Amino acid sequence: MKAKKDKLSKQSERTKSHLKKAFTELINEKGYSHVSITDIVTRAQYNRTTFYLHYTDKEHITEELRKEMFTQVKCKSVDRYVKGKEVYVASMGPRSFDLIHYIFENKDFFNLYLKEDTIPGLYQDLPRAIYETLEEEFILSAAGKNNINSAQQKLYMAHGTAGLILEWIRTGYEASADEVSLQLVEILKSFAKGFKISFNGREAYE
């Protein structure tokens, strides 16, 4: 019985993944407001009944896609680091920012940030996810005597990081993910000598 449930669960997740991939492709091609459920199921090669087994409407699949990617931005920002262990910025390299490589591997979704007719609220998600991660997880040690753990400082860092990422996306990923990661390391070196990941855990997406 458990094996059957696990199989059904995996099949369901695979179906939902196909639907969300089709949805993302179509937004890139047509714009969010012009994509219909019929478009989604046709592209994903399913029928409308299958869609409605998983989602109530277009807004439902939109919200799930937003939440999924919001959560992934937060996870990819911290998961490579051991909680409580000091990370020294001087020792960081091109593979130190999993988020950058994740964005490169999921260009179809992150290209939606370039669309004028895109998922409602999407433009705010990237800086908000980075800010929440910094505020909830990161304890920074300054290169000088300044306090770099204030909410204002982390908000500034979040918007600066998001801005650099969005410019990278706008250039068509001209630089490699490794090169962008090294740019972020150099920026971090200018004001921080290291950081730790706290033990408090993440708050859920709201």
N, C-alpha and C. Protein backbone atom coordinates (compact mmCIF):
# COMPACT_ATOMS: atom_id res chain seq x y z
N MET A 1 0.83 -1.21 0.00
CA MET A 1 0.00 0.00 0.00
C MET A 1 0.87 1.27 0.00
N LYS A 2 1.91 1.27 0.87
CA LYS A 2 2.80 2.43 0.94
C LYS A 2 3.54 2.62 -0.38
N ALA A 3 3.99 1.52 -0.98
CA ALA A 3 4.72 1.60 -2.25
C ALA A 3 3.82 2.18 -3.33
N LYS A 4 2.54 1.78 -3.32
CA LYS A 4 1.59 2.29 -4.31
C LYS A 4 1.37 3.79 -4.12
N LYS A 5 1.24 4.22 -2.84
CA LYS A 5 1.06 5.64 -2.54
C LYS A 5 2.29 6.45 -2.97
N ASP A 6 3.49 5.89 -2.69
CA ASP A 6 4.72 6.58 -3.08
C ASP A 6 4.81 6.73 -4.60
N LYS A 7 4.39 5.67 -5.32
CA LYS A 7 4.42 5.70 -6.78
C LYS A 7 3.46 6.76 -7.31
N LEU A 8 2.25 6.80 -6.72
CA LEU A 8 1.26 7.80 -7.13
C LEU A 8 1.74 9.22 -6.83
N SER A 9 2.40 9.37 -5.66
CA SER A 9 2.91 10.68 -5.26
C SER A 9 3.99 11.15 -6.23
N LYS A 10 4.90 10.24 -6.60
CA LYS A 10 5.97 10.59 -7.54
C LYS A 10 5.40 10.93 -8.92
N GLN A 11 4.39 10.15 -9.33
CA GLN A 11 3.75 10.41 -10.61
C GLN A 11 3.05 11.76 -10.62
N SER A 12 2.40 12.08 -9.49
CA SER A 12 1.70 13.35 -9.36
C SER A 12 2.69 14.51 -9.44
N GLU A 13 3.81 14.39 -8.73
CA GLU A 13 4.82 15.45 -8.74
C GLU A 13 5.43 15.62 -10.13
N ARG A 14 5.61 14.49 -10.83
CA ARG A 14 6.15 14.55 -12.19
C ARG A 14 5.17 15.27 -13.13
N THR A 15 3.88 14.94 -12.99
CA THR A 15 2.85 15.60 -13.80
C THR A 15 2.82 17.10 -13.53
N LYS A 16 2.84 17.48 -12.26
CA LYS A 16 2.82 18.88 -11.89
C LYS A 16 4.06 19.61 -12.41
N SER A 17 5.19 18.93 -12.37
CA SER A 17 6.43 19.52 -12.88
C SER A 17 6.32 19.79 -14.39
N HIS A 18 5.72 18.84 -15.13
CA HIS A 18 5.53 19.03 -16.57
C HIS A 18 4.59 20.20 -16.85
N LEU A 19 3.53 20.31 -16.06
CA LEU A 19 2.57 21.40 -16.25
C LEU A 19 3.22 22.75 -15.96
N LYS A 20 4.01 22.83 -14.90
CA LYS A 20 4.67 24.09 -14.55
C LYS A 20 5.74 24.47 -15.58
N LYS A 21 6.43 23.46 -16.11
CA LYS A 21 7.43 23.73 -17.16
C LYS A 21 6.74 24.28 -18.40
N ALA A 22 5.64 23.66 -18.80
CA ALA A 22 4.88 24.14 -19.95
C ALA A 22 4.38 25.56 -19.72
N PHE A 23 3.88 25.82 -18.52
CA PHE A 23 3.37 27.14 -18.16
C PHE A 23 4.46 28.19 -18.27
N THR A 24 5.64 27.88 -17.75
CA THR A 24 6.77 28.80 -17.79
C THR A 24 7.18 29.10 -19.23
N GLU A 25 7.27 28.08 -20.05
CA GLU A 25 7.62 28.27 -21.46
C GLU A 25 6.62 29.19 -22.16
N LEU A 26 5.35 28.97 -21.88
CA LEU A 26 4.30 29.75 -22.54
C LEU A 26 4.30 31.22 -22.10
N ILE A 27 4.59 31.46 -20.82
CA ILE A 27 4.67 32.86 -20.36
C ILE A 27 5.80 33.57 -21.08
N ASN A 28 6.94 32.88 -21.24
CA ASN A 28 8.06 33.47 -21.96
C ASN A 28 7.69 33.79 -23.41
N GLU A 29 6.87 32.95 -23.99
CA GLU A 29 6.51 33.11 -25.41
C GLU A 29 5.38 34.12 -25.62
N LYS A 30 4.34 34.06 -24.76
CA LYS A 30 3.10 34.80 -25.03
C LYS A 30 2.79 35.90 -24.03
N GLY A 31 3.42 35.83 -22.86
CA GLY A 31 3.05 36.73 -21.77
C GLY A 31 2.01 36.06 -20.88
N TYR A 32 2.07 36.36 -19.60
CA TYR A 32 1.22 35.69 -18.60
C TYR A 32 -0.27 35.81 -18.91
N SER A 33 -0.72 37.00 -19.24
CA SER A 33 -2.16 37.22 -19.40
C SER A 33 -2.74 36.49 -20.60
N HIS A 34 -1.89 36.05 -21.52
CA HIS A 34 -2.36 35.40 -22.74
C HIS A 34 -2.30 33.87 -22.67
N VAL A 35 -1.84 33.34 -21.55
CA VAL A 35 -1.74 31.88 -21.41
C VAL A 35 -3.02 31.34 -20.78
N SER A 36 -3.62 30.35 -21.42
CA SER A 36 -4.83 29.71 -20.90
C SER A 36 -4.53 28.30 -20.41
N ILE A 37 -5.45 27.74 -19.69
CA ILE A 37 -5.29 26.35 -19.23
C ILE A 37 -5.21 25.41 -20.42
N THR A 38 -5.97 25.69 -21.45
CA THR A 38 -5.91 24.88 -22.66
C THR A 38 -4.50 24.92 -23.26
N ASP A 39 -3.89 26.10 -23.27
CA ASP A 39 -2.51 26.23 -23.76
C ASP A 39 -1.56 25.35 -22.94
N ILE A 40 -1.73 25.39 -21.63
CA ILE A 40 -0.83 24.65 -20.73
C ILE A 40 -0.93 23.15 -20.98
N VAL A 41 -2.16 22.62 -21.00
CA VAL A 41 -2.32 21.16 -21.14
C VAL A 41 -1.91 20.70 -22.54
N THR A 42 -2.13 21.55 -23.53
CA THR A 42 -1.72 21.19 -24.89
C THR A 42 -0.21 21.10 -24.98
N ARG A 43 0.48 22.10 -24.41
CA ARG A 43 1.95 22.09 -24.44
C ARG A 43 2.50 20.91 -23.63
N ALA A 44 1.89 20.63 -22.49
CA ALA A 44 2.39 19.54 -21.63
C ALA A 44 1.92 18.16 -22.08
N GLN A 45 1.02 18.13 -23.05
CA GLN A 45 0.46 16.89 -23.61
C GLN A 45 -0.35 16.11 -22.56
N TYR A 46 -1.18 16.85 -21.85
CA TYR A 46 -2.15 16.27 -20.93
C TYR A 46 -3.53 16.77 -21.34
N ASN A 47 -4.56 16.36 -20.60
CA ASN A 47 -5.90 16.90 -20.85
C ASN A 47 -6.32 17.78 -19.68
N ARG A 48 -7.42 18.49 -19.85
CA ARG A 48 -7.88 19.42 -18.83
C ARG A 48 -8.23 18.70 -17.53
N THR A 49 -8.74 17.47 -17.64
CA THR A 49 -9.07 16.68 -16.44
C THR A 49 -7.84 16.47 -15.57
N THR A 50 -6.72 16.17 -16.22
CA THR A 50 -5.46 15.98 -15.48
C THR A 50 -5.06 17.27 -14.78
N PHE A 51 -5.19 18.39 -15.49
CA PHE A 51 -4.86 19.68 -14.87
C PHE A 51 -5.69 19.89 -13.61
N TYR A 52 -7.00 19.65 -13.70
CA TYR A 52 -7.89 19.94 -12.58
C TYR A 52 -7.77 18.92 -11.44
N LEU A 53 -7.07 17.82 -11.68
CA LEU A 53 -6.75 16.90 -10.58
C LEU A 53 -5.73 17.52 -9.63
N HIS A 54 -4.95 18.46 -10.17
CA HIS A 54 -3.83 19.04 -9.40
C HIS A 54 -4.03 20.52 -9.06
N TYR A 55 -4.75 21.24 -9.90
CA TYR A 55 -4.92 22.68 -9.70
C TYR A 55 -6.36 23.08 -9.93
N THR A 56 -6.80 24.08 -9.19
CA THR A 56 -8.18 24.55 -9.34
C THR A 56 -8.33 25.51 -10.51
N ASP A 57 -7.27 26.28 -10.79
CA ASP A 57 -7.33 27.27 -11.86
C ASP A 57 -5.92 27.78 -12.17
N LYS A 58 -5.82 28.74 -13.06
CA LYS A 58 -4.53 29.30 -13.45
C LYS A 58 -3.84 29.98 -12.27
N GLU A 59 -4.60 30.64 -11.41
CA GLU A 59 -4.02 31.33 -10.25
C GLU A 59 -3.38 30.32 -9.30
N HIS A 60 -3.95 29.14 -9.20
CA HIS A 60 -3.44 28.10 -8.31
C HIS A 60 -2.06 27.62 -8.77
N ILE A 61 -1.92 27.30 -10.04
CA ILE A 61 -0.62 26.85 -10.54
C ILE A 61 0.40 27.99 -10.48
N THR A 62 -0.07 29.22 -10.68
CA THR A 62 0.81 30.39 -10.58
C THR A 62 1.39 30.52 -9.17
N GLU A 63 0.51 30.41 -8.17
CA GLU A 63 0.94 30.56 -6.78
C GLU A 63 1.89 29.44 -6.38
N GLU A 64 1.61 28.23 -6.83
CA GLU A 64 2.51 27.12 -6.49
C GLU A 64 3.88 27.31 -7.12
N LEU A 65 3.91 27.76 -8.36
CA LEU A 65 5.18 28.01 -9.04
C LEU A 65 5.97 29.10 -8.32
N ARG A 66 5.31 30.18 -7.94
CA ARG A 66 5.97 31.26 -7.20
C ARG A 66 6.55 30.76 -5.88
N LYS A 67 5.73 30.03 -5.13
CA LYS A 67 6.17 29.52 -3.83
C LYS A 67 7.36 28.58 -3.97
N GLU A 68 7.28 27.71 -4.96
CA GLU A 68 8.35 26.74 -5.17
C GLU A 68 9.67 27.44 -5.46
N MET A 69 9.65 28.42 -6.35
CA MET A 69 10.88 29.09 -6.71
C MET A 69 11.36 30.01 -5.60
N PHE A 70 10.44 30.63 -4.87
CA PHE A 70 10.80 31.47 -3.72
C PHE A 70 11.55 30.63 -2.69
N THR A 71 11.00 29.46 -2.40
CA THR A 71 11.62 28.55 -1.43
C THR A 71 12.98 28.08 -1.92
N GLN A 72 13.10 27.78 -3.21
CA GLN A 72 14.37 27.32 -3.75
C GLN A 72 15.44 28.40 -3.68
N VAL A 73 15.07 29.65 -3.92
CA VAL A 73 16.04 30.74 -3.79
C VAL A 73 16.59 30.78 -2.37
N LYS A 74 15.72 30.61 -1.38
CA LYS A 74 16.16 30.62 0.02
C LYS A 74 17.03 29.41 0.33
N CYS A 75 16.60 28.25 -0.11
CA CYS A 75 17.36 27.02 0.18
C CYS A 75 18.74 27.05 -0.48
N LYS A 76 18.79 27.45 -1.74
CA LYS A 76 20.06 27.44 -2.47
C LYS A 76 21.03 28.49 -1.93
N SER A 77 20.53 29.43 -1.16
CA SER A 77 21.40 30.45 -0.57
C SER A 77 22.13 29.95 0.66
N VAL A 78 21.64 28.88 1.29
CA VAL A 78 22.22 28.45 2.57
C VAL A 78 22.58 26.97 2.67
N ASP A 79 22.00 26.12 1.84
CA ASP A 79 22.09 24.68 2.09
C ASP A 79 23.50 24.10 2.02
N ARG A 80 24.41 24.77 1.32
CA ARG A 80 25.77 24.23 1.23
C ARG A 80 26.58 24.48 2.51
N TYR A 81 26.09 25.36 3.37
CA TYR A 81 26.85 25.74 4.57
C TYR A 81 26.38 24.98 5.80
N VAL A 82 27.32 24.65 6.67
CA VAL A 82 27.02 23.95 7.93
C VAL A 82 26.60 24.98 8.97
N LYS A 83 25.46 24.75 9.59
CA LYS A 83 24.96 25.69 10.59
C LYS A 83 25.97 25.86 11.73
N GLY A 84 26.22 27.11 12.08
CA GLY A 84 27.10 27.41 13.20
C GLY A 84 28.58 27.42 12.87
N LYS A 85 28.95 26.97 11.67
CA LYS A 85 30.36 26.92 11.29
C LYS A 85 30.75 28.21 10.56
N GLU A 86 31.83 28.83 11.01
CA GLU A 86 32.29 30.09 10.39
C GLU A 86 32.77 29.84 8.96
N VAL A 87 32.30 30.68 8.06
CA VAL A 87 32.76 30.65 6.66
C VAL A 87 33.55 31.94 6.44
N TYR A 88 34.80 31.82 6.03
CA TYR A 88 35.63 32.99 5.80
C TYR A 88 35.54 33.40 4.33
N VAL A 89 35.24 34.65 4.09
CA VAL A 89 35.03 35.14 2.73
C VAL A 89 36.28 34.95 1.88
N ALA A 90 37.46 35.10 2.49
CA ALA A 90 38.71 34.96 1.74
C ALA A 90 38.87 33.56 1.15
N SER A 91 38.19 32.57 1.73
CA SER A 91 38.32 31.19 1.25
C SER A 91 37.23 30.81 0.25
N MET A 92 36.33 31.74 -0.04
CA MET A 92 35.23 31.44 -0.95
C MET A 92 35.68 31.50 -2.41
N GLY A 93 35.02 30.68 -3.24
CA GLY A 93 35.40 30.61 -4.64
C GLY A 93 34.20 30.59 -5.57
N PRO A 94 34.40 30.17 -6.81
CA PRO A 94 33.35 30.22 -7.83
C PRO A 94 32.17 29.29 -7.57
N ARG A 95 32.33 28.31 -6.69
CA ARG A 95 31.22 27.40 -6.39
C ARG A 95 30.61 27.69 -5.02
N SER A 96 30.88 28.87 -4.49
CA SER A 96 30.41 29.21 -3.15
C SER A 96 28.97 29.70 -3.12
N PHE A 97 28.42 30.03 -4.29
CA PHE A 97 27.05 30.53 -4.34
C PHE A 97 26.19 29.58 -5.18
N ASP A 98 25.59 28.60 -4.53
CA ASP A 98 24.74 27.65 -5.25
C ASP A 98 23.57 28.35 -5.93
N LEU A 99 23.11 29.45 -5.36
CA LEU A 99 21.98 30.16 -5.93
C LEU A 99 22.27 30.60 -7.37
N ILE A 100 23.47 31.10 -7.62
CA ILE A 100 23.83 31.58 -8.96
C ILE A 100 23.77 30.44 -9.96
N HIS A 101 24.30 29.30 -9.58
CA HIS A 101 24.29 28.14 -10.49
C HIS A 101 22.87 27.60 -10.65
N TYR A 102 22.06 27.69 -9.61
CA TYR A 102 20.66 27.27 -9.70
C TYR A 102 19.90 28.16 -10.69
N ILE A 103 20.13 29.45 -10.63
CA ILE A 103 19.48 30.38 -11.55
C ILE A 103 19.87 30.06 -12.99
N PHE A 104 21.16 29.79 -13.21
CA PHE A 104 21.62 29.47 -14.56
C PHE A 104 20.98 28.18 -15.07
N GLU A 105 20.80 27.21 -14.19
CA GLU A 105 20.20 25.93 -14.58
C GLU A 105 18.69 26.04 -14.78
N ASN A 106 18.08 27.12 -14.29
CA ASN A 106 16.63 27.33 -14.42
C ASN A 106 16.32 28.64 -15.12
N LYS A 107 17.03 28.86 -16.22
CA LYS A 107 16.92 30.12 -16.96
C LYS A 107 15.50 30.39 -17.44
N ASP A 108 14.79 29.35 -17.83
CA ASP A 108 13.42 29.56 -18.33
C ASP A 108 12.57 30.32 -17.32
N PHE A 109 12.66 29.90 -16.05
CA PHE A 109 11.88 30.59 -15.03
C PHE A 109 12.42 31.99 -14.78
N PHE A 110 13.72 32.13 -14.59
CA PHE A 110 14.27 33.44 -14.21
C PHE A 110 14.22 34.44 -15.37
N ASN A 111 14.08 33.96 -16.60
CA ASN A 111 13.86 34.87 -17.72
C ASN A 111 12.51 35.57 -17.62
N LEU A 112 11.62 35.03 -16.81
CA LEU A 112 10.31 35.67 -16.62
C LEU A 112 10.46 37.05 -15.99
N TYR A 113 11.59 37.30 -15.32
CA TYR A 113 11.85 38.62 -14.74
C TYR A 113 12.06 39.69 -15.82
N LEU A 114 12.30 39.24 -17.05
CA LEU A 114 12.50 40.18 -18.15
C LEU A 114 11.20 40.55 -18.84
N LYS A 115 10.15 39.78 -18.57
CA LYS A 115 8.88 39.98 -19.26
C LYS A 115 8.08 41.11 -18.61
N GLU A 116 7.50 41.96 -19.45
CA GLU A 116 6.60 42.98 -18.92
C GLU A 116 5.29 42.34 -18.45
N ASP A 117 4.78 41.41 -19.25
CA ASP A 117 3.55 40.68 -18.91
C ASP A 117 3.97 39.36 -18.26
N THR A 118 4.30 39.42 -16.97
CA THR A 118 4.81 38.25 -16.28
C THR A 118 3.93 37.90 -15.09
N ILE A 119 4.34 36.92 -14.31
CA ILE A 119 3.58 36.50 -13.13
C ILE A 119 3.39 37.68 -12.18
N PRO A 120 2.17 37.98 -11.79
CA PRO A 120 1.94 39.10 -10.87
C PRO A 120 2.72 38.95 -9.57
N GLY A 121 3.43 40.01 -9.17
CA GLY A 121 4.19 40.00 -7.93
C GLY A 121 5.58 39.42 -8.04
N LEU A 122 5.93 38.90 -9.22
CA LEU A 122 7.22 38.20 -9.36
C LEU A 122 8.40 39.13 -9.11
N TYR A 123 8.32 40.38 -9.57
CA TYR A 123 9.46 41.30 -9.47
C TYR A 123 9.94 41.48 -8.03
N GLN A 124 9.04 41.35 -7.06
CA GLN A 124 9.40 41.54 -5.66
C GLN A 124 9.99 40.28 -5.02
N ASP A 125 9.79 39.14 -5.66
CA ASP A 125 10.13 37.87 -5.01
C ASP A 125 11.62 37.67 -4.79
N LEU A 126 12.45 38.00 -5.79
CA LEU A 126 13.89 37.72 -5.66
C LEU A 126 14.53 38.52 -4.53
N PRO A 127 14.40 39.85 -4.50
CA PRO A 127 15.01 40.58 -3.37
C PRO A 127 14.39 40.21 -2.03
N ARG A 128 13.09 39.91 -2.02
CA ARG A 128 12.44 39.53 -0.76
C ARG A 128 12.97 38.19 -0.24
N ALA A 129 13.15 37.22 -1.13
CA ALA A 129 13.67 35.91 -0.72
C ALA A 129 15.10 36.04 -0.20
N ILE A 130 15.92 36.84 -0.87
CA ILE A 130 17.31 37.03 -0.43
C ILE A 130 17.32 37.75 0.92
N TYR A 131 16.49 38.77 1.06
CA TYR A 131 16.44 39.51 2.33
C TYR A 131 16.00 38.60 3.47
N GLU A 132 14.94 37.84 3.27
CA GLU A 132 14.46 36.94 4.33
C GLU A 132 15.55 35.95 4.75
N THR A 133 16.28 35.45 3.76
CA THR A 133 17.36 34.50 4.05
C THR A 133 18.46 35.16 4.88
N LEU A 134 18.86 36.36 4.48
CA LEU A 134 19.89 37.08 5.24
C LEU A 134 19.43 37.36 6.67
N GLU A 135 18.17 37.79 6.79
CA GLU A 135 17.64 38.17 8.10
C GLU A 135 17.43 36.96 9.01
N GLU A 136 16.97 35.86 8.45
CA GLU A 136 16.65 34.67 9.25
C GLU A 136 17.86 33.78 9.52
N GLU A 137 18.82 33.77 8.57
CA GLU A 137 19.86 32.73 8.62
C GLU A 137 21.28 33.23 8.84
N PHE A 138 21.62 34.41 8.31
CA PHE A 138 23.01 34.82 8.27
C PHE A 138 23.40 35.70 9.45
N ILE A 139 24.51 35.34 10.08
CA ILE A 139 25.15 36.18 11.08
C ILE A 139 26.50 36.59 10.50
N LEU A 140 26.61 37.86 10.13
CA LEU A 140 27.79 38.34 9.41
C LEU A 140 28.81 38.95 10.36
N SER A 141 30.09 38.73 10.04
CA SER A 141 31.15 39.40 10.80
C SER A 141 31.80 40.43 9.88
N ALA A 142 31.86 41.67 10.34
CA ALA A 142 32.31 42.78 9.50
C ALA A 142 33.82 42.77 9.29
N ALA A 143 34.23 43.28 8.14
CA ALA A 143 35.66 43.44 7.87
C ALA A 143 36.22 44.59 8.70
N GLY A 144 35.37 45.56 9.06
CA GLY A 144 35.78 46.67 9.91
C GLY A 144 35.01 46.66 11.22
N LYS A 145 34.65 47.84 11.70
CA LYS A 145 33.96 47.94 12.99
C LYS A 145 32.46 48.19 12.84
N ASN A 146 31.99 48.29 11.63
CA ASN A 146 30.58 48.60 11.42
C ASN A 146 29.67 47.41 11.73
N ASN A 147 28.43 47.74 12.09
CA ASN A 147 27.41 46.70 12.28
C ASN A 147 26.80 46.37 10.93
N ILE A 148 27.00 45.15 10.46
CA ILE A 148 26.46 44.78 9.16
C ILE A 148 25.33 43.76 9.29
N ASN A 149 24.80 43.62 10.51
CA ASN A 149 23.70 42.68 10.74
C ASN A 149 22.36 43.37 10.96
N SER A 150 22.30 44.66 10.78
CA SER A 150 21.03 45.34 10.95
C SER A 150 20.09 44.99 9.80
N ALA A 151 18.80 45.13 10.05
CA ALA A 151 17.80 44.84 9.01
C ALA A 151 18.02 45.74 7.80
N GLN A 152 18.39 47.01 8.05
CA GLN A 152 18.59 47.96 6.96
C GLN A 152 19.78 47.54 6.08
N GLN A 153 20.86 47.11 6.76
CA GLN A 153 22.05 46.68 6.01
C GLN A 153 21.73 45.45 5.16
N LYS A 154 20.99 44.52 5.73
CA LYS A 154 20.66 43.29 4.99
C LYS A 154 19.67 43.57 3.86
N LEU A 155 18.79 44.53 4.06
CA LEU A 155 17.87 44.92 3.00
C LEU A 155 18.67 45.51 1.83
N TYR A 156 19.64 46.34 2.15
CA TYR A 156 20.51 46.94 1.13
C TYR A 156 21.27 45.85 0.38
N MET A 157 21.82 44.88 1.12
CA MET A 157 22.55 43.77 0.52
C MET A 157 21.64 42.95 -0.39
N ALA A 158 20.41 42.71 0.06
CA ALA A 158 19.46 41.89 -0.71
C ALA A 158 19.13 42.55 -2.05
N HIS A 159 18.85 43.85 -2.01
CA HIS A 159 18.50 44.53 -3.25
C HIS A 159 19.71 44.69 -4.17
N GLY A 160 20.88 44.87 -3.58
CA GLY A 160 22.09 44.94 -4.40
C GLY A 160 22.39 43.62 -5.08
N THR A 161 22.25 42.53 -4.33
CA THR A 161 22.49 41.20 -4.90
C THR A 161 21.47 40.88 -5.98
N ALA A 162 20.20 41.17 -5.70
CA ALA A 162 19.15 40.93 -6.69
C ALA A 162 19.40 41.76 -7.95
N GLY A 163 19.85 43.00 -7.76
CA GLY A 163 20.13 43.86 -8.90
C GLY A 163 21.24 43.31 -9.78
N LEU A 164 22.29 42.81 -9.15
CA LEU A 164 23.39 42.22 -9.92
C LEU A 164 22.90 40.99 -10.69
N ILE A 165 22.08 40.16 -10.03
CA ILE A 165 21.56 38.95 -10.68
C ILE A 165 20.65 39.32 -11.85
N LEU A 166 19.79 40.29 -11.67
CA LEU A 166 18.87 40.69 -12.73
C LEU A 166 19.61 41.29 -13.92
N GLU A 167 20.68 42.02 -13.65
CA GLU A 167 21.49 42.56 -14.74
C GLU A 167 22.15 41.42 -15.52
N TRP A 168 22.60 40.39 -14.80
CA TRP A 168 23.18 39.19 -15.43
C TRP A 168 22.14 38.53 -16.35
N ILE A 169 20.92 38.41 -15.85
CA ILE A 169 19.85 37.82 -16.65
C ILE A 169 19.58 38.68 -17.88
N ARG A 170 19.57 40.01 -17.69
CA ARG A 170 19.30 40.93 -18.81
C ARG A 170 20.35 40.83 -19.91
N THR A 171 21.59 40.51 -19.54
CA THR A 171 22.67 40.39 -20.54
C THR A 171 22.64 39.04 -21.24
N GLY A 172 21.64 38.21 -20.92
CA GLY A 172 21.58 36.87 -21.54
C GLY A 172 22.60 35.93 -20.95
N TYR A 173 22.94 36.12 -19.67
CA TYR A 173 23.90 35.25 -18.96
C TYR A 173 25.25 35.28 -19.67
N GLU A 174 25.64 36.49 -20.04
CA GLU A 174 26.89 36.69 -20.78
C GLU A 174 28.08 36.14 -19.99
N ALA A 175 28.14 36.45 -18.71
CA ALA A 175 29.19 35.89 -17.85
C ALA A 175 28.77 34.50 -17.40
N SER A 176 29.74 33.66 -17.07
CA SER A 176 29.41 32.33 -16.56
C SER A 176 28.94 32.44 -15.11
N ALA A 177 28.29 31.38 -14.63
CA ALA A 177 27.85 31.36 -13.24
C ALA A 177 29.04 31.47 -12.29
N ASP A 178 30.16 30.86 -12.64
CA ASP A 178 31.37 30.96 -11.82
C ASP A 178 31.86 32.41 -11.75
N GLU A 179 31.83 33.10 -12.88
CA GLU A 179 32.30 34.50 -12.91
C GLU A 179 31.41 35.40 -12.06
N VAL A 180 30.10 35.20 -12.13
CA VAL A 180 29.19 36.01 -11.32
C VAL A 180 29.38 35.70 -9.84
N SER A 181 29.60 34.44 -9.52
CA SER A 181 29.86 34.06 -8.12
C SER A 181 31.11 34.76 -7.60
N LEU A 182 32.15 34.81 -8.40
CA LEU A 182 33.39 35.48 -7.98
C LEU A 182 33.18 36.99 -7.83
N GLN A 183 32.33 37.59 -8.67
CA GLN A 183 31.99 39.00 -8.50
C GLN A 183 31.33 39.24 -7.14
N LEU A 184 30.41 38.34 -6.76
CA LEU A 184 29.75 38.47 -5.46
C LEU A 184 30.73 38.27 -4.31
N VAL A 185 31.67 37.37 -4.46
CA VAL A 185 32.69 37.16 -3.43
C VAL A 185 33.49 38.44 -3.23
N GLU A 186 33.89 39.07 -4.33
CA GLU A 186 34.68 40.30 -4.23
C GLU A 186 33.89 41.42 -3.56
N ILE A 187 32.61 41.52 -3.87
CA ILE A 187 31.76 42.53 -3.23
C ILE A 187 31.64 42.23 -1.73
N LEU A 188 31.45 40.96 -1.39
CA LEU A 188 31.32 40.57 0.01
C LEU A 188 32.60 40.87 0.79
N LYS A 189 33.74 40.68 0.15
CA LYS A 189 35.03 40.95 0.80
C LYS A 189 35.16 42.41 1.21
N SER A 190 34.48 43.30 0.51
CA SER A 190 34.63 44.73 0.77
C SER A 190 34.05 45.15 2.11
N PHE A 191 33.17 44.32 2.69
CA PHE A 191 32.58 44.72 3.97
C PHE A 191 32.46 43.58 4.99
N ALA A 192 32.71 42.34 4.60
CA ALA A 192 32.56 41.22 5.54
C ALA A 192 33.79 40.32 5.49
N LYS A 193 34.18 39.83 6.66
CA LYS A 193 35.28 38.86 6.68
C LYS A 193 34.77 37.42 6.77
N GLY A 194 33.50 37.27 7.18
CA GLY A 194 32.94 35.92 7.28
C GLY A 194 31.49 35.94 7.70
N PHE A 195 30.94 34.74 7.86
CA PHE A 195 29.55 34.63 8.31
C PHE A 195 29.30 33.22 8.86
N LYS A 196 28.23 33.12 9.63
CA LYS A 196 27.73 31.83 10.10
C LYS A 196 26.25 31.72 9.76
N ILE A 197 25.77 30.48 9.61
CA ILE A 197 24.35 30.24 9.42
C ILE A 197 23.77 29.91 10.79
N SER A 198 22.72 30.61 11.17
CA SER A 198 22.14 30.43 12.51
C SER A 198 21.38 29.11 12.61
N PHE A 199 20.99 28.76 13.82
CA PHE A 199 20.24 27.53 14.08
C PHE A 199 18.75 27.78 14.17
N ASN A 200 18.29 28.98 13.84
CA ASN A 200 16.89 29.33 14.06
C ASN A 200 15.94 28.71 13.05
N GLY A 201 16.44 28.39 11.87
CA GLY A 201 15.58 27.81 10.83
C GLY A 201 14.83 28.85 10.04
N ARG A 202 14.22 28.40 8.95
CA ARG A 202 13.50 29.30 8.07
C ARG A 202 12.06 29.46 8.46
N GLU A 203 11.49 30.60 8.12
CA GLU A 203 10.07 30.81 8.23
C GLU A 203 9.45 30.43 6.90
N ALA A 204 8.21 30.04 6.93
CA ALA A 204 7.52 29.63 5.71
C ALA A 204 7.21 30.83 4.84
N TYR A 205 7.12 30.56 3.55
CA TYR A 205 6.67 31.58 2.59
C TYR A 205 5.25 31.99 2.93
N GLU A 206 4.96 33.26 2.90
CA GLU A 206 3.61 33.75 3.18
C GLU A 206 2.96 34.23 1.90
